[in-house]
Amino acid sequence: MKYRNTVEFQVSGDYALFSDPVTRVGGEKCSYHIPTYEALKGILQSVYWKPTFVWIIDAVRVMNPIRTETKGIRPICYNGGNELAYYTYLKNVCYQVCAHFEWNENRPELRQDRNEHKHHNIARRMIARGGRRDVFLGTRECQGYVEPCVFGEGESAYDDLDGEIAYGFMYHGITYADEAVLPEDTGKMTVRFWRPKMTRGGMIEFLRPEQCMEKRHIKEMEIKIFHQENFCGAEEFGDEEAGL
């Protein structure tokens, strides 16, 4: 389903690392085979974001074959020195992403910045320019590149997939206090989980954050308040950026 403020883009890179939290306990990392909701949301926030709204990732399309590569890494130890660890990355990745934004109802103080047309135009221009900040595919050493696309067009390595591929119990993302929708998540930091499936065409449709019923509250959390001294809305962009 597309919305009037939908954005579509393609993100690609030589490597990606969407870490499975279970594999990080021993200091080593192994990527999920597909990107997480939180990773794609982070990419879009690097392209363009304001606390006035929340990005909702609707779907992702896997374009290239899923391949992995294991590398020997020497990460820095907390107490100094280095240790040897093996990281398993995804290799030569490319994804099409479809998303839209909704107003953050937990921030009534930013109501004056709710200009849908302006934010949508700025977001599309930032996608065309590759984003406002550096884009990473799961972790900083995996540089990503963003460009506009038409979601669903082009060939995917999984266009001839019969049936579906289930990925089991998987990390979805984090709900922070300022983005909480459900009453039980108010004032808390919440980790969400879900059970994704990839269908023909490499298509994966995401649950909305509030639809994830498997979750865990991590800690109490307060909402940061924005005001004129620490917030600049869409007005920071001139008429050229807003497409007016």
Protein backbone atom coordinates (compact mmCIF):
# COMPACT_ATOMS: atom_id res chain seq x y z
CA MET A 1 0.00 0.00 0.00
CA LYS A 2 1.31 3.43 -0.94
CA TYR A 3 0.55 6.68 0.88
CA ARG A 4 0.61 10.22 -0.44
CA ASN A 5 3.88 10.82 1.46
CA THR A 6 5.49 7.54 0.39
CA VAL A 7 9.18 7.57 -0.51
CA GLU A 8 10.97 4.88 -2.53
CA PHE A 9 14.70 4.36 -2.77
CA GLN A 10 17.39 1.80 -3.45
CA VAL A 11 20.29 1.22 -1.06
CA SER A 12 23.31 -0.87 -2.00
CA GLY A 13 26.81 -1.65 -0.81
CA ASP A 14 29.68 -4.11 -0.94
CA TYR A 15 28.94 -5.48 2.53
CA ALA A 16 26.21 -5.38 5.18
CA LEU A 17 26.03 -6.59 8.78
CA PHE A 18 22.56 -6.78 10.31
CA SER A 19 23.71 -8.43 13.52
CA ASP A 20 21.77 -11.17 15.22
CA PRO A 21 21.97 -10.20 18.94
CA VAL A 22 22.29 -13.87 19.91
CA THR A 23 25.67 -14.16 18.14
CA ARG A 24 27.16 -11.05 19.78
CA VAL A 25 27.44 -12.46 23.31
CA GLY A 26 30.84 -13.99 22.61
CA GLY A 27 32.17 -10.90 20.82
CA GLU A 28 31.54 -12.21 17.31
CA LYS A 29 28.88 -11.08 14.88
CA CYS A 30 26.82 -12.92 12.30
CA SER A 31 24.43 -11.07 10.02
CA TYR A 32 20.80 -11.91 9.47
CA HIS A 33 20.14 -12.83 5.83
CA ILE A 34 17.75 -9.89 5.45
CA PRO A 35 17.83 -6.29 6.75
CA THR A 36 16.03 -5.47 9.97
CA TYR A 37 13.29 -2.87 10.24
CA GLU A 38 15.47 -0.80 12.57
CA ALA A 39 18.43 -0.81 10.15
CA LEU A 40 16.28 0.44 7.26
CA LYS A 41 14.70 3.06 9.49
CA GLY A 42 18.19 4.21 10.49
CA ILE A 43 19.18 4.51 6.83
CA LEU A 44 16.14 6.66 6.14
CA GLN A 45 16.85 8.81 9.19
CA SER A 46 20.36 9.38 7.81
CA VAL A 47 18.76 10.53 4.57
CA TYR A 48 16.29 12.92 6.26
CA TRP A 49 14.60 13.08 9.65
CA LYS A 50 12.99 15.47 12.09
CA PRO A 51 11.48 14.60 15.51
CA THR A 52 8.20 16.01 14.17
CA PHE A 53 7.51 12.70 12.41
CA VAL A 54 8.27 8.98 12.56
CA TRP A 55 9.39 6.94 9.54
CA ILE A 56 7.35 3.77 8.96
CA ILE A 57 9.05 1.12 6.80
CA ASP A 58 6.36 -0.59 4.72
CA ALA A 59 8.35 -3.12 2.69
CA VAL A 60 11.78 -4.08 1.40
CA ARG A 61 12.68 -5.97 -1.77
CA VAL A 62 15.85 -8.07 -1.91
CA MET A 63 17.43 -7.51 -5.32
CA ASN A 64 20.71 -9.48 -5.23
CA PRO A 65 21.31 -13.13 -4.25
CA ILE A 66 21.89 -13.56 -0.53
CA ARG A 67 25.56 -14.40 -0.04
CA THR A 68 27.78 -14.27 3.03
CA GLU A 69 31.49 -13.82 3.65
CA THR A 70 33.35 -14.43 6.90
CA LYS A 71 36.28 -12.20 7.83
CA GLY A 72 38.82 -12.36 10.61
CA ILE A 73 38.61 -9.09 12.57
CA ARG A 74 40.80 -7.73 15.36
CA PRO A 75 38.41 -5.56 17.41
CA ILE A 76 39.65 -3.42 20.29
CA CYS A 77 39.07 -4.91 23.75
CA TYR A 78 37.39 -2.85 26.44
CA ASN A 79 40.42 -3.27 28.72
CA GLY A 80 42.93 -2.47 25.94
CA GLY A 81 44.66 -4.43 23.23
CA ASN A 82 43.04 -6.48 20.48
CA GLU A 83 41.41 -9.87 20.13
CA LEU A 84 40.58 -12.09 17.17
CA ALA A 85 36.94 -12.42 16.15
CA TYR A 86 35.09 -13.67 13.10
CA TYR A 87 32.36 -11.51 11.57
CA THR A 88 30.00 -12.93 8.96
CA TYR A 89 28.85 -10.24 6.52
CA LEU A 90 26.34 -10.16 3.69
CA LYS A 91 28.16 -9.52 0.42
CA ASN A 92 27.16 -7.34 -2.55
CA VAL A 93 23.76 -6.29 -1.26
CA CYS A 94 21.04 -4.24 -2.93
CA TYR A 95 17.57 -3.45 -1.58
CA GLN A 96 14.56 -1.45 -2.69
CA VAL A 97 12.71 0.21 0.19
CA CYS A 98 9.20 1.64 0.42
CA ALA A 99 8.33 3.82 3.43
CA HIS A 100 6.21 6.75 4.58
CA PHE A 101 6.11 9.08 7.56
CA GLU A 102 3.48 9.85 10.18
CA TRP A 103 3.33 12.68 12.70
CA ASN A 104 4.76 11.92 16.12
CA GLU A 105 1.75 12.39 18.39
CA ASN A 106 4.03 12.25 21.44
CA ARG A 107 5.45 15.64 20.46
CA PRO A 108 2.59 18.17 20.54
CA GLU A 109 5.16 20.95 21.06
CA LEU A 110 6.25 20.45 17.40
CA ARG A 111 2.77 20.72 15.94
CA GLN A 112 3.69 23.95 14.13
CA ASP A 113 6.23 22.00 12.04
CA ARG A 114 3.66 19.55 10.63
CA ASN A 115 3.89 20.55 6.98
CA GLU A 116 3.48 17.26 5.10
CA HIS A 117 4.13 18.66 1.63
CA LYS A 118 7.34 20.36 2.69
CA HIS A 119 8.80 17.40 4.59
CA HIS A 120 7.90 15.00 1.76
CA ASN A 121 9.58 17.16 -0.87
CA ILE A 122 12.70 17.60 1.25
CA ALA A 123 12.89 13.83 1.85
CA ARG A 124 12.69 13.09 -1.88
CA ARG A 125 15.38 15.66 -2.65
CA MET A 126 17.66 14.23 0.03
CA ILE A 127 17.20 10.73 -1.45
CA ALA A 128 18.19 12.07 -4.87
CA ARG A 129 21.34 13.56 -3.29
CA GLY A 130 22.29 10.37 -1.48
CA GLY A 131 21.26 11.50 2.01
CA ARG A 132 22.22 14.23 4.46
CA ARG A 133 24.55 12.04 6.53
CA ASP A 134 26.66 8.96 5.88
CA VAL A 135 24.60 5.82 5.21
CA PHE A 136 25.59 2.48 6.76
CA LEU A 137 24.24 -1.01 6.18
CA GLY A 138 23.87 -2.22 9.74
CA THR A 139 27.27 -1.10 11.02
CA ARG A 140 29.73 1.69 10.34
CA GLU A 141 32.27 -0.31 8.35
CA CYS A 142 29.58 -1.19 5.80
CA GLN A 143 29.09 1.94 3.69
CA GLY A 144 25.78 2.21 1.83
CA TYR A 145 24.69 4.27 -1.18
CA VAL A 146 21.17 5.61 -1.65
CA GLU A 147 19.44 6.54 -4.90
CA PRO A 148 15.82 7.00 -6.04
CA CYS A 149 13.94 4.06 -7.58
CA VAL A 150 10.44 2.84 -8.35
CA PHE A 151 9.65 0.15 -5.82
CA GLY A 152 8.90 -3.17 -7.55
CA GLU A 153 10.56 -2.33 -10.86
CA GLY A 154 13.69 -4.10 -12.05
CA GLU A 155 14.78 -7.71 -11.76
CA SER A 156 15.30 -9.44 -8.44
CA ALA A 157 17.26 -12.65 -7.90
CA TYR A 158 14.08 -14.01 -6.32
CA ASP A 159 11.54 -13.24 -9.05
CA ASP A 160 11.09 -16.98 -9.66
CA LEU A 161 10.88 -17.96 -5.99
CA ASP A 162 8.28 -20.67 -5.40
CA GLY A 163 6.40 -20.32 -2.15
CA GLU A 164 8.07 -18.35 0.61
CA ILE A 165 11.15 -18.34 2.83
CA ALA A 166 10.51 -18.05 6.58
CA TYR A 167 13.25 -16.53 8.73
CA GLY A 168 11.88 -17.48 12.13
CA PHE A 169 12.12 -15.42 15.30
CA MET A 170 13.97 -12.21 14.43
CA TYR A 171 14.77 -8.79 15.89
CA HIS A 172 12.45 -6.09 14.51
CA GLY A 173 13.58 -2.90 16.22
CA ILE A 174 13.43 -0.66 19.28
CA THR A 175 10.52 1.53 20.37
CA TYR A 176 11.79 4.54 22.28
CA ALA A 177 9.58 6.44 24.69
CA ASP A 178 8.99 9.31 22.27
CA GLU A 179 7.65 6.94 19.58
CA ALA A 180 5.47 4.73 21.79
CA VAL A 181 1.94 4.16 20.48
CA LEU A 182 0.53 1.53 22.85
CA PRO A 183 -0.22 2.45 26.49
CA GLU A 184 1.94 -0.38 27.85
CA ASP A 185 4.99 1.02 26.00
CA THR A 186 4.60 4.59 27.29
CA GLY A 187 7.65 5.83 29.16
CA LYS A 188 9.68 2.73 28.31
CA MET A 189 12.38 1.53 25.94
CA THR A 190 11.00 -1.59 24.23
CA VAL A 191 12.68 -4.20 22.02
CA ARG A 192 10.42 -5.80 19.39
CA PHE A 193 10.59 -9.15 17.62
CA TRP A 194 8.69 -10.73 14.72
CA ARG A 195 8.71 -13.64 12.25
CA PRO A 196 9.38 -12.36 8.69
CA LYS A 197 8.75 -14.17 5.43
CA MET A 198 10.13 -13.44 1.97
CA THR A 199 7.81 -14.05 -0.96
CA ARG A 200 8.18 -14.08 -4.76
CA GLY A 201 10.16 -11.14 -6.07
CA GLY A 202 12.25 -10.92 -2.89
CA MET A 203 9.41 -9.04 -1.20
CA ILE A 204 9.22 -8.67 2.60
CA GLU A 205 6.34 -6.69 4.11
CA PHE A 206 6.98 -5.35 7.61
CA LEU A 207 4.66 -5.27 10.57
CA ARG A 208 4.15 -1.84 12.03
CA PRO A 209 6.00 -1.41 15.35
CA GLU A 210 2.79 -1.47 17.41
CA GLN A 211 1.73 -4.73 15.69
CA CYS A 212 4.72 -6.65 17.08
CA MET A 213 3.28 -8.62 19.98
CA GLU A 214 6.55 -10.32 20.93
CA LYS A 215 8.52 -7.68 22.78
CA ARG A 216 10.42 -6.89 25.95
CA HIS A 217 10.57 -3.72 28.03
CA ILE A 218 14.22 -2.87 28.72
CA LYS A 219 14.05 0.17 30.96
CA GLU A 220 12.12 3.28 31.94
CA MET A 221 12.76 6.21 29.63
CA GLU A 222 11.86 9.90 29.54
CA ILE A 223 10.98 11.90 26.44
CA LYS A 224 13.34 14.70 25.48
CA ILE A 225 11.49 17.97 25.08
CA PHE A 226 12.23 20.17 22.07
CA HIS A 227 11.82 23.95 21.98
CA GLN A 228 13.08 26.94 20.03
CA GLU A 229 16.57 26.71 21.52
CA ASN A 230 17.25 23.09 20.48
CA PHE A 231 15.00 22.46 17.47
CA CYS A 232 14.92 23.67 13.87
CA GLY A 233 12.13 22.26 11.70
CA ALA A 234 11.64 22.22 7.95
CA GLU A 235 12.22 25.98 7.97
CA GLU A 236 15.98 25.35 8.10
CA PHE A 237 15.69 24.58 4.38
CA GLY A 238 15.14 27.35 1.91
CA ASP A 239 12.54 27.37 -0.82
CA GLU A 240 14.92 25.49 -3.13
CA GLU A 241 15.16 22.51 -0.76
CA ALA A 242 11.44 22.39 -0.19
CA GLY A 243 10.70 22.48 -3.89
CA LEU A 244 8.50 25.54 -3.59
